[in-house]
Amino acid sequence: MRMKIMKVVPLGDKLVIKRIEAEQATAGGIVLPDSAQEKPRQGRVLSVGDGRLLPDGSRVAHEVHEGDRVVFGGYAGTEVTIDDESLLILRAEDVLAVVK
């Protein structure tokens, strides 16, 4: 049986992000139920688009690259599920920082 591997390629200034899972417990050891956990605001960049299109037809290169760990706003982007994997597609300007 052959596995089907699909890569999501974003358009323009968009990025595809895989959220980094949040901690299941507090620092004091209290286990949090799913309903009490916030969605993680960090993720790994899986794919980047061609960059923002300028009026002269040229493109601005992205400041982030595939594999970067990034921080983004809590309400940024659109959640999609592809091949049972939850992904986030967001604009490059929604990225707040790169974690080194």
Protein backbone atom coordinates (compact mmCIF):
# COMPACT_ATOMS: atom_id res chain seq x y z
CA MET A 1 0.00 0.00 0.00
CA ARG A 2 1.36 3.37 -1.00
CA MET A 3 1.08 6.35 1.38
CA LYS A 4 -0.21 9.55 -0.10
CA ILE A 5 1.89 12.51 1.00
CA MET A 6 0.35 15.90 0.39
CA LYS A 7 2.07 19.27 0.77
CA VAL A 8 -0.05 22.37 1.20
CA VAL A 9 1.42 25.26 -0.80
CA PRO A 10 0.12 28.67 0.31
CA LEU A 11 -0.40 31.51 -2.15
CA GLY A 12 1.23 34.95 -2.04
CA ASP A 13 2.09 36.20 1.44
CA LYS A 14 0.50 33.25 3.28
CA LEU A 15 2.18 30.67 5.54
CA VAL A 16 1.14 27.17 6.62
CA ILE A 17 1.75 26.59 10.33
CA LYS A 18 1.50 23.48 12.52
CA ARG A 19 0.66 24.54 16.07
CA ILE A 20 3.02 23.40 18.83
CA GLU A 21 0.89 21.61 21.42
CA ALA A 22 0.23 23.43 24.70
CA GLU A 23 1.22 22.05 28.08
CA GLN A 24 -1.34 19.69 29.60
CA ALA A 25 -0.58 20.78 33.19
CA THR A 26 0.29 23.96 35.08
CA ALA A 27 3.72 24.58 36.64
CA GLY A 28 2.22 23.43 39.96
CA GLY A 29 1.18 20.09 38.46
CA ILE A 30 -2.55 20.73 38.02
CA VAL A 31 -3.82 18.92 34.92
CA LEU A 32 -5.96 21.20 32.74
CA PRO A 33 -9.01 19.87 30.89
CA ASP A 34 -9.22 20.64 27.16
CA SER A 35 -11.91 23.27 27.74
CA ALA A 36 -9.60 25.27 30.05
CA GLN A 37 -6.58 25.25 27.76
CA GLU A 38 -5.82 28.14 25.45
CA LYS A 39 -4.90 27.40 21.86
CA PRO A 40 -1.13 27.54 21.47
CA ARG A 41 0.18 30.71 19.88
CA GLN A 42 3.39 29.11 18.69
CA GLY A 43 3.96 26.86 15.74
CA ARG A 44 6.36 25.49 13.17
CA VAL A 45 6.31 26.90 9.61
CA LEU A 46 5.61 24.03 7.21
CA SER A 47 5.36 25.98 3.96
CA VAL A 48 5.61 29.56 2.67
CA GLY A 49 4.07 31.29 -0.35
CA ASP A 50 5.90 33.31 -3.00
CA GLY A 51 5.74 36.55 -0.98
CA ARG A 52 3.67 39.72 -1.11
CA LEU A 53 3.08 41.07 -4.61
CA LEU A 54 4.08 44.69 -5.14
CA PRO A 55 2.39 47.06 -7.64
CA ASP A 56 5.38 46.80 -10.01
CA GLY A 57 4.93 43.01 -10.22
CA SER A 58 7.90 42.07 -8.04
CA ARG A 59 7.56 40.10 -4.80
CA VAL A 60 8.80 40.79 -1.27
CA ALA A 61 10.60 37.77 0.18
CA HIS A 62 9.33 36.31 3.46
CA GLU A 63 11.19 37.01 6.70
CA VAL A 64 10.37 33.50 7.96
CA HIS A 65 11.35 30.22 6.37
CA GLU A 66 10.17 26.62 6.42
CA GLY A 67 11.11 25.03 9.74
CA ASP A 68 11.12 28.29 11.76
CA ARG A 69 9.34 28.31 15.12
CA VAL A 70 7.10 31.38 15.24
CA VAL A 71 4.77 33.25 17.60
CA PHE A 72 1.50 34.59 16.18
CA GLY A 73 -1.65 36.36 17.39
CA GLY A 74 -4.35 34.36 19.15
CA TYR A 75 -7.01 35.02 16.52
CA ALA A 76 -4.72 34.99 13.48
CA GLY A 77 -5.29 32.82 10.45
CA THR A 78 -7.72 30.16 9.32
CA GLU A 79 -7.74 26.64 10.71
CA VAL A 80 -7.99 23.81 8.19
CA THR A 81 -7.81 20.03 8.48
CA ILE A 82 -5.99 18.17 5.73
CA ASP A 83 -5.42 14.41 5.92
CA ASP A 84 -6.54 14.44 9.59
CA GLU A 85 -3.90 17.04 10.45
CA SER A 86 -4.93 20.41 11.87
CA LEU A 87 -3.07 23.29 10.19
CA LEU A 88 -3.22 27.06 10.36
CA ILE A 89 -2.96 29.27 7.27
CA LEU A 90 -2.10 32.86 8.06
CA ARG A 91 -0.65 36.00 6.52
CA ALA A 92 3.05 36.66 7.04
CA GLU A 93 2.20 39.95 8.79
CA ASP A 94 0.32 37.97 11.49
CA VAL A 95 3.65 36.48 12.67
CA LEU A 96 4.86 38.44 15.68
CA ALA A 97 8.28 36.86 16.22
CA VAL A 98 10.63 34.01 15.34
CA VAL A 99 11.79 31.90 18.29
CA LYS A 100 15.53 31.13 18.07
